[in-house]
Amino acid sequence: MILGVSEWLSGKLGWSVTFIRVAFVVSVLVFGAGIGLYLILWLVKMFSN
């Protein structure tokens, strides 16, 4: 909800917004890569409009 990445990605993939948000949280807690991935996807979202 902060940058709108989860909602944008759910529209692109056709997945549930909740599932994508949970996946980001789990990736941050387990792998530590979720924050970087989130920021990269935010940049992609900004430049794809």
PDB file of N, CA and C in Angstrom:
ATOM      1  N   MET A   1       0.815  -1.194   0.000  1.00  0.00           N
ATOM      2  CA  MET A   1       0.000   0.000   0.000  1.00  0.00           C
ATOM      3  C   MET A   1       0.855   1.253   0.000  1.00  0.00           C
ATOM      4  N   ILE A   2       2.123   1.096   0.297  1.00  0.00           N
ATOM      5  CA  ILE A   2       2.981   2.272   0.387  1.00  0.00           C
ATOM      6  C   ILE A   2       3.236   2.865  -0.992  1.00  0.00           C
ATOM      7  N   LEU A   3       3.705   2.042  -1.921  1.00  0.00           N
ATOM      8  CA  LEU A   3       4.035   2.545  -3.247  1.00  0.00           C
ATOM      9  C   LEU A   3       3.120   1.989  -4.331  1.00  0.00           C
ATOM     10  N   GLY A   4       2.226   1.097  -3.986  1.00  0.00           N
ATOM     11  CA  GLY A   4       1.281   0.540  -4.948  1.00  0.00           C
ATOM     12  C   GLY A   4       1.825  -0.591  -5.789  1.00  0.00           C
ATOM     13  N   VAL A   5       2.968  -1.141  -5.409  1.00  0.00           N
ATOM     14  CA  VAL A   5       3.593  -2.192  -6.202  1.00  0.00           C
ATOM     15  C   VAL A   5       2.771  -3.474  -6.170  1.00  0.00           C
ATOM     16  N   SER A   6       2.284  -3.856  -5.020  1.00  0.00           N
ATOM     17  CA  SER A   6       1.536  -5.113  -4.901  1.00  0.00           C
ATOM     18  C   SER A   6       0.255  -5.079  -5.724  1.00  0.00           C
ATOM     19  N   GLU A   7      -0.445  -3.975  -5.686  1.00  0.00           N
ATOM     20  CA  GLU A   7      -1.673  -3.848  -6.467  1.00  0.00           C
ATOM     21  C   GLU A   7      -1.377  -3.846  -7.959  1.00  0.00           C
ATOM     22  N   TRP A   8      -0.337  -3.146  -8.362  1.00  0.00           N
ATOM     23  CA  TRP A   8       0.064  -3.101  -9.769  1.00  0.00           C
ATOM     24  C   TRP A   8       0.473  -4.486 -10.254  1.00  0.00           C
ATOM     25  N   LEU A   9       1.281  -5.185  -9.442  1.00  0.00           N
ATOM     26  CA  LEU A   9       1.755  -6.512  -9.819  1.00  0.00           C
ATOM     27  C   LEU A   9       0.618  -7.518  -9.860  1.00  0.00           C
ATOM     28  N   SER A  10      -0.342  -7.403  -8.959  1.00  0.00           N
ATOM     29  CA  SER A  10      -1.484  -8.323  -8.974  1.00  0.00           C
ATOM     30  C   SER A  10      -2.324  -8.135 -10.229  1.00  0.00           C
ATOM     31  N   GLY A  11      -2.434  -6.909 -10.694  1.00  0.00           N
ATOM     32  CA  GLY A  11      -3.154  -6.651 -11.938  1.00  0.00           C
ATOM     33  C   GLY A  11      -2.429  -7.230 -13.140  1.00  0.00           C
ATOM     34  N   LYS A  12      -1.108  -7.170 -13.130  1.00  0.00           N
ATOM     35  CA  LYS A  12      -0.309  -7.712 -14.233  1.00  0.00           C
ATOM     36  C   LYS A  12      -0.335  -9.237 -14.255  1.00  0.00           C
ATOM     37  N   LEU A  13      -0.265  -9.860 -13.075  1.00  0.00           N
ATOM     38  CA  LEU A  13      -0.165 -11.319 -13.003  1.00  0.00           C
ATOM     39  C   LEU A  13      -1.514 -12.012 -12.836  1.00  0.00           C
ATOM     40  N   GLY A  14      -2.524 -11.269 -12.388  1.00  0.00           N
ATOM     41  CA  GLY A  14      -3.829 -11.863 -12.145  1.00  0.00           C
ATOM     42  C   GLY A  14      -3.898 -12.617 -10.831  1.00  0.00           C
ATOM     43  N   TRP A  15      -2.994 -12.322  -9.918  1.00  0.00           N
ATOM     44  CA  TRP A  15      -2.964 -12.970  -8.605  1.00  0.00           C
ATOM     45  C   TRP A  15      -3.626 -12.070  -7.578  1.00  0.00           C
ATOM     46  N   SER A  16      -3.877 -12.627  -6.413  1.00  0.00           N
ATOM     47  CA  SER A  16      -4.469 -11.887  -5.312  1.00  0.00           C
ATOM     48  C   SER A  16      -3.458 -10.894  -4.736  1.00  0.00           C
ATOM     49  N   VAL A  17      -3.929  -9.704  -4.398  1.00  0.00           N
ATOM     50  CA  VAL A  17      -3.066  -8.686  -3.786  1.00  0.00           C
ATOM     51  C   VAL A  17      -2.530  -9.192  -2.444  1.00  0.00           C
ATOM     52  N   THR A  18      -3.360  -9.860  -1.698  1.00  0.00           N
ATOM     53  CA  THR A  18      -2.956 -10.379  -0.394  1.00  0.00           C
ATOM     54  C   THR A  18      -1.829 -11.391  -0.538  1.00  0.00           C
ATOM     55  N   PHE A  19      -1.928 -12.270  -1.525  1.00  0.00           N
ATOM     56  CA  PHE A  19      -0.879 -13.265  -1.754  1.00  0.00           C
ATOM     57  C   PHE A  19       0.455 -12.592  -2.067  1.00  0.00           C
ATOM     58  N   ILE A  20       0.423 -11.565  -2.890  1.00  0.00           N
ATOM     59  CA  ILE A  20       1.660 -10.871  -3.262  1.00  0.00           C
ATOM     60  C   ILE A  20       2.252 -10.150  -2.061  1.00  0.00           C
ATOM     61  N   ARG A  21       1.424  -9.524  -1.250  1.00  0.00           N
ATOM     62  CA  ARG A  21       1.927  -8.844  -0.046  1.00  0.00           C
ATOM     63  C   ARG A  21       2.549  -9.822   0.927  1.00  0.00           C
ATOM     64  N   VAL A  22       1.896 -10.965   1.116  1.00  0.00           N
ATOM     65  CA  VAL A  22       2.445 -11.992   2.006  1.00  0.00           C
ATOM     66  C   VAL A  22       3.769 -12.510   1.448  1.00  0.00           C
ATOM     67  N   ALA A  23       3.846 -12.687   0.132  1.00  0.00           N
ATOM     68  CA  ALA A  23       5.089 -13.157  -0.491  1.00  0.00           C
ATOM     69  C   ALA A  23       6.224 -12.158  -0.272  1.00  0.00           C
ATOM     70  N   PHE A  24       5.941 -10.861  -0.368  1.00  0.00           N
ATOM     71  CA  PHE A  24       6.966  -9.850  -0.113  1.00  0.00           C
ATOM     72  C   PHE A  24       7.438  -9.911   1.341  1.00  0.00           C
ATOM     73  N   VAL A  25       6.516 -10.039   2.274  1.00  0.00           N
ATOM     74  CA  VAL A  25       6.881 -10.090   3.693  1.00  0.00           C
ATOM     75  C   VAL A  25       7.716 -11.332   3.983  1.00  0.00           C
ATOM     76  N   VAL A  26       7.305 -12.473   3.447  1.00  0.00           N
ATOM     77  CA  VAL A  26       8.058 -13.704   3.664  1.00  0.00           C
ATOM     78  C   VAL A  26       9.443 -13.601   3.045  1.00  0.00           C
ATOM     79  N   SER A  27       9.552 -13.009   1.865  1.00  0.00           N
ATOM     80  CA  SER A  27      10.862 -12.882   1.233  1.00  0.00           C
ATOM     81  C   SER A  27      11.780 -11.937   2.008  1.00  0.00           C
ATOM     82  N   VAL A  28      11.210 -10.940   2.649  1.00  0.00           N
ATOM     83  CA  VAL A  28      12.023 -10.050   3.488  1.00  0.00           C
ATOM     84  C   VAL A  28      12.520 -10.806   4.718  1.00  0.00           C
ATOM     85  N   LEU A  29      11.643 -11.568   5.339  1.00  0.00           N
ATOM     86  CA  LEU A  29      12.011 -12.273   6.566  1.00  0.00           C
ATOM     87  C   LEU A  29      12.942 -13.452   6.309  1.00  0.00           C
ATOM     88  N   VAL A  30      12.737 -14.170   5.222  1.00  0.00           N
ATOM     89  CA  VAL A  30      13.513 -15.376   4.970  1.00  0.00           C
ATOM     90  C   VAL A  30      14.782 -15.086   4.166  1.00  0.00           C
ATOM     91  N   PHE A  31      14.649 -14.406   3.074  1.00  0.00           N
ATOM     92  CA  PHE A  31      15.776 -14.202   2.173  1.00  0.00           C
ATOM     93  C   PHE A  31      16.428 -12.832   2.325  1.00  0.00           C
ATOM     94  N   GLY A  32      15.678 -11.854   2.769  1.00  0.00           N
ATOM     95  CA  GLY A  32      16.209 -10.504   2.887  1.00  0.00           C
ATOM     96  C   GLY A  32      16.227  -9.749   1.574  1.00  0.00           C
ATOM     97  N   ALA A  33      15.721 -10.370   0.518  1.00  0.00           N
ATOM     98  CA  ALA A  33      15.764  -9.756  -0.807  1.00  0.00           C
ATOM     99  C   ALA A  33      14.468  -9.041  -1.163  1.00  0.00           C
ATOM    100  N   GLY A  34      13.470  -9.133  -0.341  1.00  0.00           N
ATOM    101  CA  GLY A  34      12.168  -8.567  -0.659  1.00  0.00           C
ATOM    102  C   GLY A  34      12.169  -7.063  -0.793  1.00  0.00           C
ATOM    103  N   ILE A  35      12.956  -6.386   0.010  1.00  0.00           N
ATOM    104  CA  ILE A  35      12.990  -4.917  -0.044  1.00  0.00           C
ATOM    105  C   ILE A  35      13.601  -4.454  -1.362  1.00  0.00           C
ATOM    106  N   GLY A  36      14.697  -5.072  -1.753  1.00  0.00           N
ATOM    107  CA  GLY A  36      15.318  -4.723  -3.024  1.00  0.00           C
ATOM    108  C   GLY A  36      14.414  -5.028  -4.201  1.00  0.00           C
ATOM    109  N   LEU A  37      13.776  -6.173  -4.168  1.00  0.00           N
ATOM    110  CA  LEU A  37      12.854  -6.556  -5.232  1.00  0.00           C
ATOM    111  C   LEU A  37      11.681  -5.585  -5.306  1.00  0.00           C
ATOM    112  N   TYR A  38      11.164  -5.200  -4.149  1.00  0.00           N
ATOM    113  CA  TYR A  38      10.053  -4.255  -4.097  1.00  0.00           C
ATOM    114  C   TYR A  38      10.453  -2.923  -4.729  1.00  0.00           C
ATOM    115  N   LEU A  39      11.633  -2.433  -4.408  1.00  0.00           N
ATOM    116  CA  LEU A  39      12.090  -1.152  -4.956  1.00  0.00           C
ATOM    117  C   LEU A  39      12.355  -1.237  -6.460  1.00  0.00           C
ATOM    118  N   ILE A  40      12.898  -2.362  -6.914  1.00  0.00           N
ATOM    119  CA  ILE A  40      13.115  -2.551  -8.348  1.00  0.00           C
ATOM    120  C   ILE A  40      11.779  -2.570  -9.083  1.00  0.00           C
ATOM    121  N   LEU A  41      10.803  -3.284  -8.537  1.00  0.00           N
ATOM    122  CA  LEU A  41       9.483  -3.335  -9.165  1.00  0.00           C
ATOM    123  C   LEU A  41       8.805  -1.965  -9.137  1.00  0.00           C
ATOM    124  N   TRP A  42       9.059  -1.176  -8.099  1.00  0.00           N
ATOM    125  CA  TRP A  42       8.504   0.171  -8.045  1.00  0.00           C
ATOM    126  C   TRP A  42       9.069   1.022  -9.186  1.00  0.00           C
ATOM    127  N   LEU A  43      10.381   0.886  -9.441  1.00  0.00           N
ATOM    128  CA  LEU A  43      10.989   1.626 -10.546  1.00  0.00           C
ATOM    129  C   LEU A  43      10.421   1.175 -11.886  1.00  0.00           C
ATOM    130  N   VAL A  44      10.238  -0.122 -12.047  1.00  0.00           N
ATOM    131  CA  VAL A  44       9.641  -0.647 -13.281  1.00  0.00           C
ATOM    132  C   VAL A  44       8.232  -0.092 -13.454  1.00  0.00           C
ATOM    133  N   LYS A  45       7.473  -0.061 -12.366  1.00  0.00           N
ATOM    134  CA  LYS A  45       6.108   0.463 -12.414  1.00  0.00           C
ATOM    135  C   LYS A  45       6.110   1.937 -12.806  1.00  0.00           C
ATOM    136  N   MET A  46       7.033   2.705 -12.267  1.00  0.00           N
ATOM    137  CA  MET A  46       7.071   4.140 -12.539  1.00  0.00           C
ATOM    138  C   MET A  46       7.400   4.426 -14.012  1.00  0.00           C
ATOM    139  N   PHE A  47       8.295   3.626 -14.585  1.00  0.00           N
ATOM    140  CA  PHE A  47       8.729   3.887 -15.956  1.00  0.00           C
ATOM    141  C   PHE A  47       7.890   3.164 -17.009  1.00  0.00           C
ATOM    142  N   SER A  48       6.976   2.290 -16.578  1.00  0.00           N
ATOM    143  CA  SER A  48       6.158   1.564 -17.550  1.00  0.00           C
ATOM    144  C   SER A  48       4.853   2.288 -17.882  1.00  0.00           C
ATOM    145  N   ASN A  49       4.552   3.364 -17.202  1.00  0.00           N
ATOM    146  CA  ASN A  49       3.292   4.087 -17.479  1.00  0.00           C
ATOM    147  C   ASN A  49       3.375   4.871 -18.707  1.00  0.00           C
TER     148      ASN A  49
END
